[in-house]
Amino acid sequence: MLYISNNFSGQVTAAFFNKTTGVVSTGCVSAVLKNFNSTWFYGSGIANATPAGTGNVLYVAEWGGGNPSGIGIVKIASNGTSCTLTEARSSPASDPQSPGLLSIGVFPPRNFD
């Protein structure tokens, strides 16, 4: 799956990707994440919580525009042909040290073979 931060809508999109053919096909779109256009204004970097499969959970950097940034937490459910992206109840996690958070990473890095 490919995950896309819809920067100005406050949503996340998942698309199916066939690594053999390179074909990208329709997946799903989350609802608008909590506090968009209130305490954060721009979704940016995305990271998977786990290095295998769909990732189970996505972390989304939420740029605060002078406010403390947050990290959106989005649960992934997929059966290989359809999917859902649902924001976790505990989302967003506060990141008061990053008023301009634009990227995020999770280690170990994801294996793409």
C-alpha atoms as a PDB file:
ATOM      1  CA  MET A   1       0.000   0.000   0.000  1.00  0.00           C
ATOM      2  CA  LEU A   2       1.005   3.586  -0.579  1.00  0.00           C
ATOM      3  CA  TYR A   3       0.057   6.230   1.964  1.00  0.00           C
ATOM      4  CA  ILE A   4      -0.501   9.849   0.983  1.00  0.00           C
ATOM      5  CA  SER A   5      -0.869  12.864   3.238  1.00  0.00           C
ATOM      6  CA  ASN A   6      -3.611  15.079   1.817  1.00  0.00           C
ATOM      7  CA  ASN A   7      -1.853  18.209   3.013  1.00  0.00           C
ATOM      8  CA  PHE A   8      -4.648  20.738   2.839  1.00  0.00           C
ATOM      9  CA  SER A   9      -7.695  18.557   3.620  1.00  0.00           C
ATOM     10  CA  GLY A  10      -6.450  17.005   6.859  1.00  0.00           C
ATOM     11  CA  GLN A  11      -6.979  13.465   5.546  1.00  0.00           C
ATOM     12  CA  VAL A  12      -4.838  10.463   4.633  1.00  0.00           C
ATOM     13  CA  THR A  13      -5.270   8.345   1.486  1.00  0.00           C
ATOM     14  CA  ALA A  14      -4.214   4.717   1.040  1.00  0.00           C
ATOM     15  CA  ALA A  15      -3.748   3.291  -2.450  1.00  0.00           C
ATOM     16  CA  PHE A  16      -2.995  -0.282  -3.452  1.00  0.00           C
ATOM     17  CA  PHE A  17       0.330  -0.784  -5.232  1.00  0.00           C
ATOM     18  CA  ASN A  18       1.284  -3.840  -7.256  1.00  0.00           C
ATOM     19  CA  LYS A  19       5.066  -4.069  -6.947  1.00  0.00           C
ATOM     20  CA  THR A  20       5.277  -6.435  -9.957  1.00  0.00           C
ATOM     21  CA  THR A  21       3.322  -4.315 -12.461  1.00  0.00           C
ATOM     22  CA  GLY A  22       3.715  -0.883 -10.874  1.00  0.00           C
ATOM     23  CA  VAL A  23      -0.054  -0.349 -11.075  1.00  0.00           C
ATOM     24  CA  VAL A  24      -1.618   1.892  -8.425  1.00  0.00           C
ATOM     25  CA  SER A  25      -5.314   1.325  -7.710  1.00  0.00           C
ATOM     26  CA  THR A  26      -8.001   2.922  -5.586  1.00  0.00           C
ATOM     27  CA  GLY A  27      -7.869   2.282  -1.864  1.00  0.00           C
ATOM     28  CA  CYS A  28      -9.500   4.454   0.801  1.00  0.00           C
ATOM     29  CA  VAL A  29      -9.495   7.912   2.393  1.00  0.00           C
ATOM     30  CA  SER A  30      -9.713   8.716   6.094  1.00  0.00           C
ATOM     31  CA  ALA A  31     -12.131  11.170   7.604  1.00  0.00           C
ATOM     32  CA  VAL A  32     -10.672  14.593   8.393  1.00  0.00           C
ATOM     33  CA  LEU A  33      -8.281  14.077  11.312  1.00  0.00           C
ATOM     34  CA  LYS A  34      -9.082  15.693  14.680  1.00  0.00           C
ATOM     35  CA  ASN A  35      -8.348  19.377  15.198  1.00  0.00           C
ATOM     36  CA  PHE A  36      -7.552  20.096  11.528  1.00  0.00           C
ATOM     37  CA  ASN A  37      -7.750  23.855  10.824  1.00  0.00           C
ATOM     38  CA  SER A  38      -7.911  24.438  14.577  1.00  0.00           C
ATOM     39  CA  THR A  39      -4.616  23.486  16.219  1.00  0.00           C
ATOM     40  CA  TRP A  40      -2.879  22.188  13.085  1.00  0.00           C
ATOM     41  CA  PHE A  41      -3.086  23.269   9.462  1.00  0.00           C
ATOM     42  CA  TYR A  42      -0.943  21.040   7.277  1.00  0.00           C
ATOM     43  CA  GLY A  43      -0.470  17.274   7.201  1.00  0.00           C
ATOM     44  CA  SER A  44       2.990  16.250   6.094  1.00  0.00           C
ATOM     45  CA  GLY A  45       5.270  13.246   6.665  1.00  0.00           C
ATOM     46  CA  ILE A  46       3.826   9.776   7.275  1.00  0.00           C
ATOM     47  CA  ALA A  47       5.472   6.749   8.904  1.00  0.00           C
ATOM     48  CA  ASN A  48       4.322   3.164   9.486  1.00  0.00           C
ATOM     49  CA  ALA A  49       4.342   1.815  13.029  1.00  0.00           C
ATOM     50  CA  THR A  50       5.618  -1.586  11.925  1.00  0.00           C
ATOM     51  CA  PRO A  51       8.095  -2.549   9.204  1.00  0.00           C
ATOM     52  CA  ALA A  52       5.942  -5.258   7.567  1.00  0.00           C
ATOM     53  CA  GLY A  53       2.530  -5.730   5.976  1.00  0.00           C
ATOM     54  CA  THR A  54       0.238  -2.696   5.861  1.00  0.00           C
ATOM     55  CA  GLY A  55       1.988  -1.166   8.869  1.00  0.00           C
ATOM     56  CA  ASN A  56      -1.137  -1.527  11.072  1.00  0.00           C
ATOM     57  CA  VAL A  57      -0.861   2.100  12.225  1.00  0.00           C
ATOM     58  CA  LEU A  58       0.270   5.293  10.514  1.00  0.00           C
ATOM     59  CA  TYR A  59       1.810   8.283  12.236  1.00  0.00           C
ATOM     60  CA  VAL A  60       1.118  11.615  10.540  1.00  0.00           C
ATOM     61  CA  ALA A  61       3.132  14.760  11.236  1.00  0.00           C
ATOM     62  CA  GLU A  62       0.676  17.619  11.856  1.00  0.00           C
ATOM     63  CA  TRP A  63       2.213  21.065  11.366  1.00  0.00           C
ATOM     64  CA  GLY A  64       0.915  23.442  14.027  1.00  0.00           C
ATOM     65  CA  GLY A  65       1.693  26.777  12.363  1.00  0.00           C
ATOM     66  CA  GLY A  66       3.074  28.262  15.576  1.00  0.00           C
ATOM     67  CA  ASN A  67       0.987  26.007  17.828  1.00  0.00           C
ATOM     68  CA  PRO A  68       2.629  22.890  19.207  1.00  0.00           C
ATOM     69  CA  SER A  69       2.508  20.212  16.520  1.00  0.00           C
ATOM     70  CA  GLY A  70       0.771  16.895  16.921  1.00  0.00           C
ATOM     71  CA  ILE A  71       1.213  13.396  15.601  1.00  0.00           C
ATOM     72  CA  GLY A  72      -1.936  11.885  14.124  1.00  0.00           C
ATOM     73  CA  ILE A  73      -2.444   8.191  14.784  1.00  0.00           C
ATOM     74  CA  VAL A  74      -4.420   6.344  12.095  1.00  0.00           C
ATOM     75  CA  LYS A  75      -5.351   2.647  12.226  1.00  0.00           C
ATOM     76  CA  ILE A  76      -5.212   0.646   8.988  1.00  0.00           C
ATOM     77  CA  ALA A  77      -7.495  -2.263   8.105  1.00  0.00           C
ATOM     78  CA  SER A  78      -7.117  -4.019   4.740  1.00  0.00           C
ATOM     79  CA  ASN A  79      -8.011  -7.344   3.180  1.00  0.00           C
ATOM     80  CA  GLY A  80      -5.941  -6.698   0.042  1.00  0.00           C
ATOM     81  CA  THR A  81      -8.823  -5.370  -2.070  1.00  0.00           C
ATOM     82  CA  SER A  82     -10.446  -2.816   0.231  1.00  0.00           C
ATOM     83  CA  CYS A  83      -9.312  -0.805   3.213  1.00  0.00           C
ATOM     84  CA  THR A  84     -10.312   1.614   5.955  1.00  0.00           C
ATOM     85  CA  LEU A  85      -8.304   4.305   7.713  1.00  0.00           C
ATOM     86  CA  THR A  86      -9.641   5.220  11.156  1.00  0.00           C
ATOM     87  CA  GLU A  87      -8.156   7.756  13.522  1.00  0.00           C
ATOM     88  CA  ALA A  88      -7.286   6.293  16.914  1.00  0.00           C
ATOM     89  CA  ARG A  89      -9.109   7.596  19.985  1.00  0.00           C
ATOM     90  CA  SER A  90      -5.716   8.569  21.462  1.00  0.00           C
ATOM     91  CA  SER A  91      -4.913  10.760  18.441  1.00  0.00           C
ATOM     92  CA  PRO A  92      -3.301  13.194  18.144  1.00  0.00           C
ATOM     93  CA  ALA A  93      -0.258  12.751  20.334  1.00  0.00           C
ATOM     94  CA  SER A  94       1.060  16.144  21.403  1.00  0.00           C
ATOM     95  CA  ASP A  95       4.548  17.182  20.306  1.00  0.00           C
ATOM     96  CA  PRO A  96       5.126  20.484  22.155  1.00  0.00           C
ATOM     97  CA  GLN A  97       8.827  20.553  21.191  1.00  0.00           C
ATOM     98  CA  SER A  98       7.984  20.800  17.478  1.00  0.00           C
ATOM     99  CA  PRO A  99       5.880  23.815  16.473  1.00  0.00           C
ATOM    100  CA  GLY A 100       6.849  23.197  12.829  1.00  0.00           C
ATOM    101  CA  LEU A 101       6.773  19.387  12.527  1.00  0.00           C
ATOM    102  CA  LEU A 102       6.991  18.376   8.854  1.00  0.00           C
ATOM    103  CA  SER A 103       8.537  14.911   8.861  1.00  0.00           C
ATOM    104  CA  ILE A 104       8.481  11.842  11.022  1.00  0.00           C
ATOM    105  CA  GLY A 105      10.259   8.499  11.018  1.00  0.00           C
ATOM    106  CA  VAL A 106       9.961   5.141  12.704  1.00  0.00           C
ATOM    107  CA  PHE A 107      12.885   2.790  13.230  1.00  0.00           C
ATOM    108  CA  PRO A 108      13.803   0.200  12.176  1.00  0.00           C
ATOM    109  CA  PRO A 109      13.007   1.370   8.647  1.00  0.00           C
ATOM    110  CA  ARG A 110      10.421  -0.460   6.579  1.00  0.00           C
ATOM    111  CA  ASN A 111      11.613  -3.350   4.391  1.00  0.00           C
ATOM    112  CA  PHE A 112      10.329  -3.060   0.799  1.00  0.00           C
ATOM    113  CA  ASP A 113      11.278  -6.406  -0.736  1.00  0.00           C
END
